[in-house]
C-alpha atoms as a PDB file:
ATOM      1  CA  UNK A   1      -2.047  24.214 -22.299  1.00  0.00           C
ATOM      2  CA  UNK A   2      -3.915  24.167 -18.991  1.00  0.00           C
ATOM      3  CA  UNK A   3      -2.722  22.220 -15.967  1.00  0.00           C
ATOM      4  CA  UNK A   4      -5.638  21.205 -13.782  1.00  0.00           C
ATOM      5  CA  UNK A   5      -5.924  21.834 -10.065  1.00  0.00           C
ATOM      6  CA  UNK A   6      -3.902  19.641  -7.725  1.00  0.00           C
ATOM      7  CA  UNK A   7      -6.184  16.952  -6.182  1.00  0.00           C
ATOM      8  CA  UNK A   8      -4.007  16.471  -3.062  1.00  0.00           C
ATOM      9  CA  UNK A   9      -7.096  16.865  -0.931  1.00  0.00           C
ATOM     10  CA  UNK A  10      -9.953  14.919  -2.483  1.00  0.00           C
ATOM     11  CA  UNK A  11     -12.663  17.466  -3.294  1.00  0.00           C
ATOM     12  CA  UNK A  12     -15.799  17.197  -1.188  1.00  0.00           C
ATOM     13  CA  UNK A  13     -17.885  16.479  -4.269  1.00  0.00           C
ATOM     14  CA  UNK A  14     -15.570  13.747  -5.632  1.00  0.00           C
ATOM     15  CA  UNK A  15     -16.707  10.680  -3.589  1.00  0.00           C
ATOM     16  CA  UNK A  16     -20.244  10.529  -5.075  1.00  0.00           C
ATOM     17  CA  UNK A  17     -18.798  10.929  -8.580  1.00  0.00           C
ATOM     18  CA  UNK A  18     -16.317   8.109  -7.988  1.00  0.00           C
ATOM     19  CA  UNK A  19     -19.056   5.950  -6.472  1.00  0.00           C
ATOM     20  CA  UNK A  20     -21.185   6.523  -9.582  1.00  0.00           C
ATOM     21  CA  UNK A  21     -18.264   5.563 -11.824  1.00  0.00           C
ATOM     22  CA  UNK A  22     -17.905   2.279  -9.956  1.00  0.00           C
ATOM     23  CA  UNK A  23     -21.645   1.679 -10.319  1.00  0.00           C
ATOM     24  CA  UNK A  24     -21.359   2.183 -14.070  1.00  0.00           C
ATOM     25  CA  UNK A  25     -18.514  -0.330 -14.303  1.00  0.00           C
ATOM     26  CA  UNK A  26     -20.385  -2.866 -12.178  1.00  0.00           C
ATOM     27  CA  UNK A  27     -23.441  -2.595 -14.434  1.00  0.00           C
ATOM     28  CA  UNK A  28     -21.481  -3.367 -17.601  1.00  0.00           C
ATOM     29  CA  UNK A  29     -20.478  -7.022 -18.089  1.00  0.00           C
ATOM     30  CA  UNK A  30     -16.928  -7.255 -19.380  1.00  0.00           C
ATOM     31  CA  UNK A  31     -17.674 -10.109 -21.785  1.00  0.00           C
ATOM     32  CA  UNK A  32     -20.476  -8.439 -23.764  1.00  0.00           C
ATOM     33  CA  UNK A  33     -19.478  -8.547 -27.467  1.00  0.00           C
ATOM     34  CA  UNK A  34     -21.607  -5.610 -28.579  1.00  0.00           C
ATOM     35  CA  UNK A  35     -21.808  -1.926 -27.570  1.00  0.00           C
ATOM     36  CA  UNK A  36     -23.747  -1.455 -24.363  1.00  0.00           C
ATOM     37  CA  UNK A  37     -24.559   2.249 -24.563  1.00  0.00           C
ATOM     38  CA  UNK A  38     -28.246   1.646 -23.959  1.00  0.00           C
ATOM     39  CA  UNK A  39     -27.624  -0.157 -20.679  1.00  0.00           C
ATOM     40  CA  UNK A  40     -28.262   2.922 -18.553  1.00  0.00           C
ATOM     41  CA  UNK A  41     -29.120   6.556 -19.196  1.00  0.00           C
ATOM     42  CA  UNK A  42     -28.239   7.778 -15.712  1.00  0.00           C
ATOM     43  CA  UNK A  43     -26.294   6.286 -12.816  1.00  0.00           C
ATOM     44  CA  UNK A  44     -26.023   8.326  -9.633  1.00  0.00           C
ATOM     45  CA  UNK A  45     -24.138  11.532 -10.354  1.00  0.00           C
ATOM     46  CA  UNK A  46     -23.509  10.581 -13.988  1.00  0.00           C
ATOM     47  CA  UNK A  47     -25.603  10.586 -17.147  1.00  0.00           C
ATOM     48  CA  UNK A  48     -24.966   8.946 -20.522  1.00  0.00           C
ATOM     49  CA  UNK A  49     -25.192  10.949 -23.742  1.00  0.00           C
ATOM     50  CA  UNK A  50     -24.923   9.087 -27.036  1.00  0.00           C
ATOM     51  CA  UNK A  51     -22.840  11.885 -28.565  1.00  0.00           C
ATOM     52  CA  UNK A  52     -20.531  12.858 -25.711  1.00  0.00           C
ATOM     53  CA  UNK A  53     -20.490   9.784 -23.479  1.00  0.00           C
ATOM     54  CA  UNK A  54     -20.675   9.927 -19.688  1.00  0.00           C
ATOM     55  CA  UNK A  55     -21.040  13.343 -18.102  1.00  0.00           C
ATOM     56  CA  UNK A  56     -21.418  14.676 -14.573  1.00  0.00           C
ATOM     57  CA  UNK A  57     -25.116  15.462 -14.196  1.00  0.00           C
ATOM     58  CA  UNK A  58     -24.731  18.490 -11.951  1.00  0.00           C
ATOM     59  CA  UNK A  59     -22.129  21.180 -11.572  1.00  0.00           C
ATOM     60  CA  UNK A  60     -19.033  20.170  -9.657  1.00  0.00           C
ATOM     61  CA  UNK A  61     -15.714  21.661  -8.610  1.00  0.00           C
ATOM     62  CA  UNK A  62     -12.945  22.227 -11.138  1.00  0.00           C
ATOM     63  CA  UNK A  63     -10.759  19.681  -9.321  1.00  0.00           C
ATOM     64  CA  UNK A  64     -13.428  16.973  -9.528  1.00  0.00           C
ATOM     65  CA  UNK A  65     -14.110  17.754 -13.172  1.00  0.00           C
ATOM     66  CA  UNK A  66     -10.384  17.438 -13.951  1.00  0.00           C
ATOM     67  CA  UNK A  67     -10.227  14.068 -12.212  1.00  0.00           C
ATOM     68  CA  UNK A  68     -13.354  12.865 -13.993  1.00  0.00           C
ATOM     69  CA  UNK A  69     -11.919  13.881 -17.364  1.00  0.00           C
ATOM     70  CA  UNK A  70      -8.928  11.593 -16.807  1.00  0.00           C
ATOM     71  CA  UNK A  71     -11.146   8.537 -16.240  1.00  0.00           C
ATOM     72  CA  UNK A  72     -14.047   9.341 -18.570  1.00  0.00           C
ATOM     73  CA  UNK A  73     -12.445   7.668 -21.646  1.00  0.00           C
ATOM     74  CA  UNK A  74     -12.342   4.367 -19.752  1.00  0.00           C
ATOM     75  CA  UNK A  75     -16.021   4.615 -18.809  1.00  0.00           C
ATOM     76  CA  UNK A  76     -17.007   5.581 -22.344  1.00  0.00           C
ATOM     77  CA  UNK A  77     -15.057   2.660 -23.796  1.00  0.00           C
ATOM     78  CA  UNK A  78     -16.519   0.211 -21.289  1.00  0.00           C
ATOM     79  CA  UNK A  79     -19.993   1.369 -22.285  1.00  0.00           C
ATOM     80  CA  UNK A  80     -19.774   1.707 -26.041  1.00  0.00           C
ATOM     81  CA  UNK A  81     -16.724  -0.106 -27.434  1.00  0.00           C
ATOM     82  CA  UNK A  82     -17.321  -3.434 -29.163  1.00  0.00           C
ATOM     83  CA  UNK A  83     -13.610  -4.292 -29.092  1.00  0.00           C
ATOM     84  CA  UNK A  84     -10.971  -4.539 -26.379  1.00  0.00           C
ATOM     85  CA  UNK A  85      -9.707  -1.168 -25.119  1.00  0.00           C
ATOM     86  CA  UNK A  86      -6.282  -0.690 -23.546  1.00  0.00           C
ATOM     87  CA  UNK A  87      -4.799   2.057 -21.398  1.00  0.00           C
ATOM     88  CA  UNK A  88      -1.176   1.984 -20.236  1.00  0.00           C
ATOM     89  CA  UNK A  89       0.342   3.820 -17.293  1.00  0.00           C
ATOM     90  CA  UNK A  90       4.006   4.585 -16.751  1.00  0.00           C
ATOM     91  CA  UNK A  91       5.696   6.806 -14.183  1.00  0.00           C
ATOM     92  CA  UNK A  92       9.124   8.206 -14.984  1.00  0.00           C
ATOM     93  CA  UNK A  93      11.646  10.913 -14.171  1.00  0.00           C
ATOM     94  CA  UNK A  94      12.230  14.136 -16.069  1.00  0.00           C
ATOM     95  CA  UNK A  95      15.045  12.388 -17.924  1.00  0.00           C
ATOM     96  CA  UNK A  96      12.925   9.406 -18.904  1.00  0.00           C
ATOM     97  CA  UNK A  97      13.908   6.778 -16.320  1.00  0.00           C
ATOM     98  CA  UNK A  98      11.611   4.469 -14.362  1.00  0.00           C
ATOM     99  CA  UNK A  99      14.305   3.318 -11.933  1.00  0.00           C
ATOM    100  CA  UNK A 100      17.937   3.794 -11.030  1.00  0.00           C
ATOM    101  CA  UNK A 101      20.641   1.672 -12.654  1.00  0.00           C
ATOM    102  CA  UNK A 102      20.376  -0.751  -9.721  1.00  0.00           C
ATOM    103  CA  UNK A 103      16.612  -1.093 -10.207  1.00  0.00           C
ATOM    104  CA  UNK A 104      15.413   1.024  -7.286  1.00  0.00           C
ATOM    105  CA  UNK A 105      12.079   2.642  -8.108  1.00  0.00           C
ATOM    106  CA  UNK A 106      10.730   3.367  -4.588  1.00  0.00           C
ATOM    107  CA  UNK A 107       9.402   5.844  -5.393  1.00  0.00           C
ATOM    108  CA  UNK A 108       9.875   7.670  -8.680  1.00  0.00           C
ATOM    109  CA  UNK A 109       6.438   9.273  -8.584  1.00  0.00           C
ATOM    110  CA  UNK A 110       4.535  10.594  -5.572  1.00  0.00           C
ATOM    111  CA  UNK A 111       1.491   9.472  -3.555  1.00  0.00           C
ATOM    112  CA  UNK A 112      -0.977  11.288  -5.805  1.00  0.00           C
ATOM    113  CA  UNK A 113       0.186   9.209  -8.752  1.00  0.00           C
ATOM    114  CA  UNK A 114      -0.137   6.000  -6.754  1.00  0.00           C
ATOM    115  CA  UNK A 115      -3.724   6.902  -5.900  1.00  0.00           C
ATOM    116  CA  UNK A 116      -4.386   7.563  -9.584  1.00  0.00           C
ATOM    117  CA  UNK A 117      -2.964   4.155 -10.484  1.00  0.00           C
ATOM    118  CA  UNK A 118      -5.263   2.409  -8.028  1.00  0.00           C
ATOM    119  CA  UNK A 119      -8.255   4.208  -9.524  1.00  0.00           C
ATOM    120  CA  UNK A 120      -7.270   2.967 -12.976  1.00  0.00           C
ATOM    121  CA  UNK A 121      -7.079  -0.568 -11.628  1.00  0.00           C
ATOM    122  CA  UNK A 122     -10.541  -0.272 -10.092  1.00  0.00           C
ATOM    123  CA  UNK A 123     -12.076   0.796 -13.410  1.00  0.00           C
ATOM    124  CA  UNK A 124     -10.442  -1.923 -15.544  1.00  0.00           C
ATOM    125  CA  UNK A 125     -11.300  -5.588 -16.012  1.00  0.00           C
ATOM    126  CA  UNK A 126      -7.639  -6.569 -15.842  1.00  0.00           C
ATOM    127  CA  UNK A 127      -4.224  -5.153 -14.989  1.00  0.00           C
ATOM    128  CA  UNK A 128      -1.215  -6.525 -16.873  1.00  0.00           C
ATOM    129  CA  UNK A 129       2.463  -6.400 -15.912  1.00  0.00           C
ATOM    130  CA  UNK A 130       5.533  -8.031 -17.357  1.00  0.00           C
ATOM    131  CA  UNK A 131       7.655 -10.705 -15.696  1.00  0.00           C
ATOM    132  CA  UNK A 132      10.461  -8.211 -15.075  1.00  0.00           C
ATOM    133  CA  UNK A 133       8.195  -5.977 -13.000  1.00  0.00           C
ATOM    134  CA  UNK A 134       6.949  -8.944 -10.984  1.00  0.00           C
ATOM    135  CA  UNK A 135      10.500 -10.152 -10.321  1.00  0.00           C
ATOM    136  CA  UNK A 136      11.767  -6.682  -9.351  1.00  0.00           C
ATOM    137  CA  UNK A 137       8.829  -5.271  -7.381  1.00  0.00           C
ATOM    138  CA  UNK A 138       6.666  -8.260  -6.315  1.00  0.00           C
ATOM    139  CA  UNK A 139       3.525  -6.084  -6.682  1.00  0.00           C
ATOM    140  CA  UNK A 140       0.060  -6.863  -5.326  1.00  0.00           C
ATOM    141  CA  UNK A 141      -1.838  -5.139  -8.178  1.00  0.00           C
ATOM    142  CA  UNK A 142      -4.862  -4.468  -5.976  1.00  0.00           C
ATOM    143  CA  UNK A 143      -7.055  -1.433  -5.294  1.00  0.00           C
ATOM    144  CA  UNK A 144      -6.283  -1.214  -1.584  1.00  0.00           C
ATOM    145  CA  UNK A 145      -5.908   2.600  -1.679  1.00  0.00           C
ATOM    146  CA  UNK A 146      -9.330   3.362  -3.180  1.00  0.00           C
ATOM    147  CA  UNK A 147     -12.880   1.996  -3.012  1.00  0.00           C
ATOM    148  CA  UNK A 148     -13.462  -0.407  -5.879  1.00  0.00           C
ATOM    149  CA  UNK A 149     -12.981  -4.017  -6.981  1.00  0.00           C
ATOM    150  CA  UNK A 150      -9.633  -5.662  -7.601  1.00  0.00           C
ATOM    151  CA  UNK A 151      -9.063  -6.345 -11.300  1.00  0.00           C
ATOM    152  CA  UNK A 152      -8.018  -9.696 -12.676  1.00  0.00           C
ATOM    153  CA  UNK A 153      -4.217  -9.720 -12.532  1.00  0.00           C
ATOM    154  CA  UNK A 154      -2.246 -10.702 -15.631  1.00  0.00           C
ATOM    155  CA  UNK A 155       1.401 -11.711 -15.388  1.00  0.00           C
ATOM    156  CA  UNK A 156       2.958 -11.639 -18.849  1.00  0.00           C
ATOM    157  CA  UNK A 157       5.823 -14.147 -18.761  1.00  0.00           C
ATOM    158  CA  UNK A 158       6.181 -15.537 -22.306  1.00  0.00           C
ATOM    159  CA  UNK A 159       9.150 -17.817 -21.583  1.00  0.00           C
ATOM    160  CA  UNK A 160       8.021 -18.780 -18.047  1.00  0.00           C
ATOM    161  CA  UNK A 161      11.072 -17.148 -16.425  1.00  0.00           C
ATOM    162  CA  UNK A 162       9.450 -16.549 -13.029  1.00  0.00           C
ATOM    163  CA  UNK A 163      10.020 -19.062 -10.230  1.00  0.00           C
ATOM    164  CA  UNK A 164       6.383 -19.172  -9.094  1.00  0.00           C
ATOM    165  CA  UNK A 165       6.999 -17.516  -5.718  1.00  0.00           C
ATOM    166  CA  UNK A 166       5.589 -14.091  -6.647  1.00  0.00           C
ATOM    167  CA  UNK A 167       2.996 -12.715  -4.266  1.00  0.00           C
ATOM    168  CA  UNK A 168       0.554 -12.048  -7.092  1.00  0.00           C
ATOM    169  CA  UNK A 169       0.490 -15.780  -7.896  1.00  0.00           C
ATOM    170  CA  UNK A 170       0.012 -16.916  -4.309  1.00  0.00           C
ATOM    171  CA  UNK A 171      -1.913 -14.376  -2.212  1.00  0.00           C
ATOM    172  CA  UNK A 172      -5.420 -15.208  -3.489  1.00  0.00           C
ATOM    173  CA  UNK A 173      -6.559 -11.583  -3.387  1.00  0.00           C
ATOM    174  CA  UNK A 174      -7.883 -11.620  -6.973  1.00  0.00           C
ATOM    175  CA  UNK A 175      -8.044 -13.949  -9.986  1.00  0.00           C
ATOM    176  CA  UNK A 176      -4.621 -14.146 -11.622  1.00  0.00           C
ATOM    177  CA  UNK A 177      -3.516 -15.415 -15.038  1.00  0.00           C
ATOM    178  CA  UNK A 178       0.105 -16.425 -15.624  1.00  0.00           C
ATOM    179  CA  UNK A 179       0.477 -15.940 -19.395  1.00  0.00           C
ATOM    180  CA  UNK A 180       3.194 -17.774 -21.261  1.00  0.00           C
ATOM    181  CA  UNK A 181       3.793 -19.124 -24.711  1.00  0.00           C
ATOM    182  CA  UNK A 182       2.190 -22.517 -25.195  1.00  0.00           C
ATOM    183  CA  UNK A 183       5.657 -24.079 -25.537  1.00  0.00           C
ATOM    184  CA  UNK A 184       6.463 -23.048 -21.950  1.00  0.00           C
ATOM    185  CA  UNK A 185       3.113 -23.799 -20.302  1.00  0.00           C
ATOM    186  CA  UNK A 186       4.194 -27.075 -18.734  1.00  0.00           C
ATOM    187  CA  UNK A 187       7.156 -25.442 -17.015  1.00  0.00           C
ATOM    188  CA  UNK A 188       4.928 -22.736 -15.536  1.00  0.00           C
ATOM    189  CA  UNK A 189       2.386 -25.305 -14.342  1.00  0.00           C
ATOM    190  CA  UNK A 190       5.106 -27.380 -12.646  1.00  0.00           C
ATOM    191  CA  UNK A 191       6.530 -24.287 -10.946  1.00  0.00           C
ATOM    192  CA  UNK A 192       3.094 -23.154  -9.829  1.00  0.00           C
ATOM    193  CA  UNK A 193       2.299 -26.533  -8.319  1.00  0.00           C
ATOM    194  CA  UNK A 194       5.681 -26.773  -6.606  1.00  0.00           C
ATOM    195  CA  UNK A 195       5.408 -23.347  -4.994  1.00  0.00           C
ATOM    196  CA  UNK A 196       1.783 -23.615  -3.916  1.00  0.00           C
ATOM    197  CA  UNK A 197       0.219 -21.130  -6.312  1.00  0.00           C
ATOM    198  CA  UNK A 198      -3.154 -20.039  -5.009  1.00  0.00           C
ATOM    199  CA  UNK A 199      -6.465 -21.471  -6.135  1.00  0.00           C
ATOM    200  CA  UNK A 200      -7.308 -18.139  -7.784  1.00  0.00           C
ATOM    201  CA  UNK A 201      -4.312 -18.274 -10.144  1.00  0.00           C
ATOM    202  CA  UNK A 202      -3.848 -20.386 -13.240  1.00  0.00           C
ATOM    203  CA  UNK A 203      -1.454 -20.747 -16.139  1.00  0.00           C
ATOM    204  CA  UNK A 204      -2.657 -19.836 -19.619  1.00  0.00           C
ATOM    205  CA  UNK A 205      -0.449 -21.013 -22.468  1.00  0.00           C
ATOM    206  CA  UNK A 206      -0.974 -19.074 -25.700  1.00  0.00           C
ATOM    207  CA  UNK A 207       0.086 -20.366 -29.117  1.00  0.00           C
ATOM    208  CA  UNK A 208       1.966 -17.698 -31.037  1.00  0.00           C
ATOM    209  CA  UNK A 209       2.662 -15.480 -28.013  1.00  0.00           C
ATOM    210  CA  UNK A 210       6.300 -15.606 -29.101  1.00  0.00           C
ATOM    211  CA  UNK A 211       7.048 -15.567 -32.815  1.00  0.00           C
ATOM    212  CA  UNK A 212       9.776 -17.607 -34.519  1.00  0.00           C
ATOM    213  CA  UNK A 213      12.338 -14.963 -33.546  1.00  0.00           C
ATOM    214  CA  UNK A 214      11.259 -15.032 -29.894  1.00  0.00           C
ATOM    215  CA  UNK A 215       9.542 -11.644 -30.086  1.00  0.00           C
ATOM    216  CA  UNK A 216       6.330 -10.934 -28.170  1.00  0.00           C
ATOM    217  CA  UNK A 217       3.060 -10.622 -30.110  1.00  0.00           C
ATOM    218  CA  UNK A 218       0.945  -8.188 -28.045  1.00  0.00           C
ATOM    219  CA  UNK A 219      -2.117  -8.698 -30.271  1.00  0.00           C
ATOM    220  CA  UNK A 220      -2.194 -12.354 -29.196  1.00  0.00           C
ATOM    221  CA  UNK A 221      -2.422 -11.219 -25.571  1.00  0.00           C
ATOM    222  CA  UNK A 222      -5.257  -8.804 -26.325  1.00  0.00           C
ATOM    223  CA  UNK A 223      -7.214 -11.446 -28.219  1.00  0.00           C
ATOM    224  CA  UNK A 224      -6.830 -14.036 -25.477  1.00  0.00           C
ATOM    225  CA  UNK A 225      -7.905 -11.653 -22.735  1.00  0.00           C
ATOM    226  CA  UNK A 226     -10.928 -10.510 -24.741  1.00  0.00           C
ATOM    227  CA  UNK A 227     -11.903 -14.159 -25.243  1.00  0.00           C
ATOM    228  CA  UNK A 228     -11.740 -14.539 -21.449  1.00  0.00           C
ATOM    229  CA  UNK A 229     -14.154 -11.610 -21.014  1.00  0.00           C
ATOM    230  CA  UNK A 230     -11.447  -9.092 -20.111  1.00  0.00           C
ATOM    231  CA  UNK A 231     -11.989  -6.184 -22.473  1.00  0.00           C
ATOM    232  CA  UNK A 232     -10.874  -3.082 -20.559  1.00  0.00           C
ATOM    233  CA  UNK A 233      -7.191  -3.641 -19.826  1.00  0.00           C
ATOM    234  CA  UNK A 234      -4.598  -1.606 -17.929  1.00  0.00           C
ATOM    235  CA  UNK A 235      -1.021  -2.241 -19.059  1.00  0.00           C
ATOM    236  CA  UNK A 236       0.831  -1.127 -15.944  1.00  0.00           C
ATOM    237  CA  UNK A 237       4.444  -1.919 -16.689  1.00  0.00           C
ATOM    238  CA  UNK A 238       7.211  -2.066 -16.820  1.00  0.00           C
ATOM    239  CA  UNK A 239       8.794   0.133 -19.445  1.00  0.00           C
ATOM    240  CA  UNK A 240       9.611  -2.729 -21.804  1.00  0.00           C
ATOM    241  CA  UNK A 241       6.079  -4.124 -21.687  1.00  0.00           C
ATOM    242  CA  UNK A 242       4.387  -0.747 -22.167  1.00  0.00           C
ATOM    243  CA  UNK A 243       6.776   0.057 -25.032  1.00  0.00           C
ATOM    244  CA  UNK A 244       5.975  -3.218 -26.792  1.00  0.00           C
ATOM    245  CA  UNK A 245       2.227  -2.671 -26.621  1.00  0.00           C
ATOM    246  CA  UNK A 246       2.641   0.926 -27.795  1.00  0.00           C
ATOM    247  CA  UNK A 247       4.902  -0.031 -30.707  1.00  0.00           C
ATOM    248  CA  UNK A 248       2.448  -2.741 -31.755  1.00  0.00           C
ATOM    249  CA  UNK A 249      -0.399  -0.202 -31.969  1.00  0.00           C
ATOM    250  CA  UNK A 250      -2.417  -1.947 -29.245  1.00  0.00           C
ATOM    251  CA  UNK A 251      -2.929   1.025 -26.924  1.00  0.00           C
ATOM    252  CA  UNK A 252      -5.861   3.427 -27.007  1.00  0.00           C
ATOM    253  CA  UNK A 253      -4.576   5.652 -24.225  1.00  0.00           C
ATOM    254  CA  UNK A 254      -1.273   6.248 -22.439  1.00  0.00           C
ATOM    255  CA  UNK A 255      -1.058   7.856 -19.013  1.00  0.00           C
ATOM    256  CA  UNK A 256       2.549   9.017 -18.830  1.00  0.00           C
ATOM    257  CA  UNK A 257       3.379  10.498 -15.418  1.00  0.00           C
ATOM    258  CA  UNK A 258       6.441  12.713 -15.167  1.00  0.00           C
ATOM    259  CA  UNK A 259       7.968  13.267 -11.726  1.00  0.00           C
ATOM    260  CA  UNK A 260      10.252  16.225 -10.913  1.00  0.00           C
ATOM    261  CA  UNK A 261      13.343  14.114 -10.325  1.00  0.00           C
ATOM    262  CA  UNK A 262      16.531  13.526 -12.335  1.00  0.00           C
ATOM    263  CA  UNK A 263      17.897   9.979 -12.161  1.00  0.00           C
ATOM    264  CA  UNK A 264      20.767  10.190 -14.631  1.00  0.00           C
ATOM    265  CA  UNK A 265      21.963   6.787 -15.801  1.00  0.00           C
ATOM    266  CA  UNK A 266      19.004   4.523 -15.054  1.00  0.00           C
ATOM    267  CA  UNK A 267      16.462   2.137 -16.481  1.00  0.00           C
ATOM    268  CA  UNK A 268      14.656   3.744 -19.350  1.00  0.00           C
ATOM    269  CA  UNK A 269      10.905   4.165 -19.615  1.00  0.00           C
ATOM    270  CA  UNK A 270       9.462   4.268 -23.113  1.00  0.00           C
ATOM    271  CA  UNK A 271      11.700   2.780 -25.786  1.00  0.00           C
ATOM    272  CA  UNK A 272      10.273   2.840 -29.310  1.00  0.00           C
ATOM    273  CA  UNK A 273      11.785   1.921 -32.682  1.00  0.00           C
ATOM    274  CA  UNK A 274      13.824   4.717 -34.303  1.00  0.00           C
ATOM    275  CA  UNK A 275      12.107   7.066 -36.766  1.00  0.00           C
ATOM    276  CA  UNK A 276      13.797   8.746 -39.712  1.00  0.00           C
ATOM    277  CA  UNK A 277      11.989  12.080 -39.458  1.00  0.00           C
ATOM    278  CA  UNK A 278       9.864  13.989 -36.987  1.00  0.00           C
ATOM    279  CA  UNK A 279       6.907  13.575 -39.340  1.00  0.00           C
ATOM    280  CA  UNK A 280       7.053   9.843 -38.613  1.00  0.00           C
ATOM    281  CA  UNK A 281       6.923  10.284 -34.829  1.00  0.00           C
ATOM    282  CA  UNK A 282       3.800   9.880 -32.723  1.00  0.00           C
ATOM    283  CA  UNK A 283       2.329  13.221 -31.669  1.00  0.00           C
ATOM    284  CA  UNK A 284      -0.904  12.305 -29.863  1.00  0.00           C
ATOM    285  CA  UNK A 285      -3.525  14.656 -28.518  1.00  0.00           C
ATOM    286  CA  UNK A 286      -2.713  15.399 -24.885  1.00  0.00           C
ATOM    287  CA  UNK A 287      -4.245  16.716 -21.695  1.00  0.00           C
ATOM    288  CA  UNK A 288      -2.220  17.455 -18.560  1.00  0.00           C
ATOM    289  CA  UNK A 289      -3.342  16.884 -14.986  1.00  0.00           C
ATOM    290  CA  UNK A 290      -1.406  17.821 -11.857  1.00  0.00           C
ATOM    291  CA  UNK A 291      -0.958  14.924  -9.455  1.00  0.00           C
ATOM    292  CA  UNK A 292       0.772  16.611  -6.555  1.00  0.00           C
ATOM    293  CA  UNK A 293       4.234  17.531  -7.823  1.00  0.00           C
ATOM    294  CA  UNK A 294       3.908  15.063 -10.698  1.00  0.00           C
ATOM    295  CA  UNK A 295       2.308  15.778 -14.063  1.00  0.00           C
ATOM    296  CA  UNK A 296       0.073  13.263 -15.807  1.00  0.00           C
ATOM    297  CA  UNK A 297       0.221  13.429 -19.590  1.00  0.00           C
ATOM    298  CA  UNK A 298      -3.009  11.815 -20.765  1.00  0.00           C
ATOM    299  CA  UNK A 299      -2.245  10.806 -24.362  1.00  0.00           C
ATOM    300  CA  UNK A 300      -5.006   9.847 -26.780  1.00  0.00           C
ATOM    301  CA  UNK A 301      -3.629   7.194 -29.146  1.00  0.00           C
ATOM    302  CA  UNK A 302      -6.948   6.006 -30.542  1.00  0.00           C
ATOM    303  CA  UNK A 303      -7.130   7.864 -33.888  1.00  0.00           C
ATOM    304  CA  UNK A 304      -3.626   6.798 -34.926  1.00  0.00           C
ATOM    305  CA  UNK A 305      -3.925   3.121 -34.056  1.00  0.00           C
END
């Protein structure tokens, strides 16, 4: 297994590649229902091949090629997939925790991983987080650390537990959807109005988001976002939300970042249903990329979905 070069210093040849990737995304409407592979044969430093997808047109450094390889599946899916495509990202410790027992997660992973996360946001139509992450971290979910557009921000709050004061609902930096089960929509709307939710945010009540047992139905989320023209989706956290989408078979890719830190008793990252034998466990194809001291495990879940 090869671990790619550390991109602490952005390679000199990376900016034009990243710029070309953003051009590709901008040229592909998110709500197109059919494959769009014929939309462009070449964009800046990149070229489309019907067999291998997007490729760098000219030779580039090993560090830039390693970075490009991590984001290429998103570009390929945006260009050629006729269905919604989901990537999740989760940063955790060596012992599988995303925070301490008290909830402190500042910071589990390093600055390289944060930069990577912002690039993922810039390439996706939407970024989704659960209500627990919003309550604990009050994130902005923007792309302020990299060139590129802010994605639509999705707050997954099935039972409308949030109080409406979250920054993501009020700052107006990007369109924001507050997703809840249809039975709880009125509560979310009242809270949003009372707390002055921004004009760019709105409540979306989904029938069947919670089943009769109160369990989340991730496929309902995916279908609703696709209907809204949001087809390339980043599931950013937290651990419970990522685990639910993974267990439901909704993810195409998982970017699992492991930081060289031991937390001990803390809040767990991935939590999947128990399996009887190792043969029943997921063993996806994997590539590894160094992000400073962290290691990104890029897991391909597509074939087993």
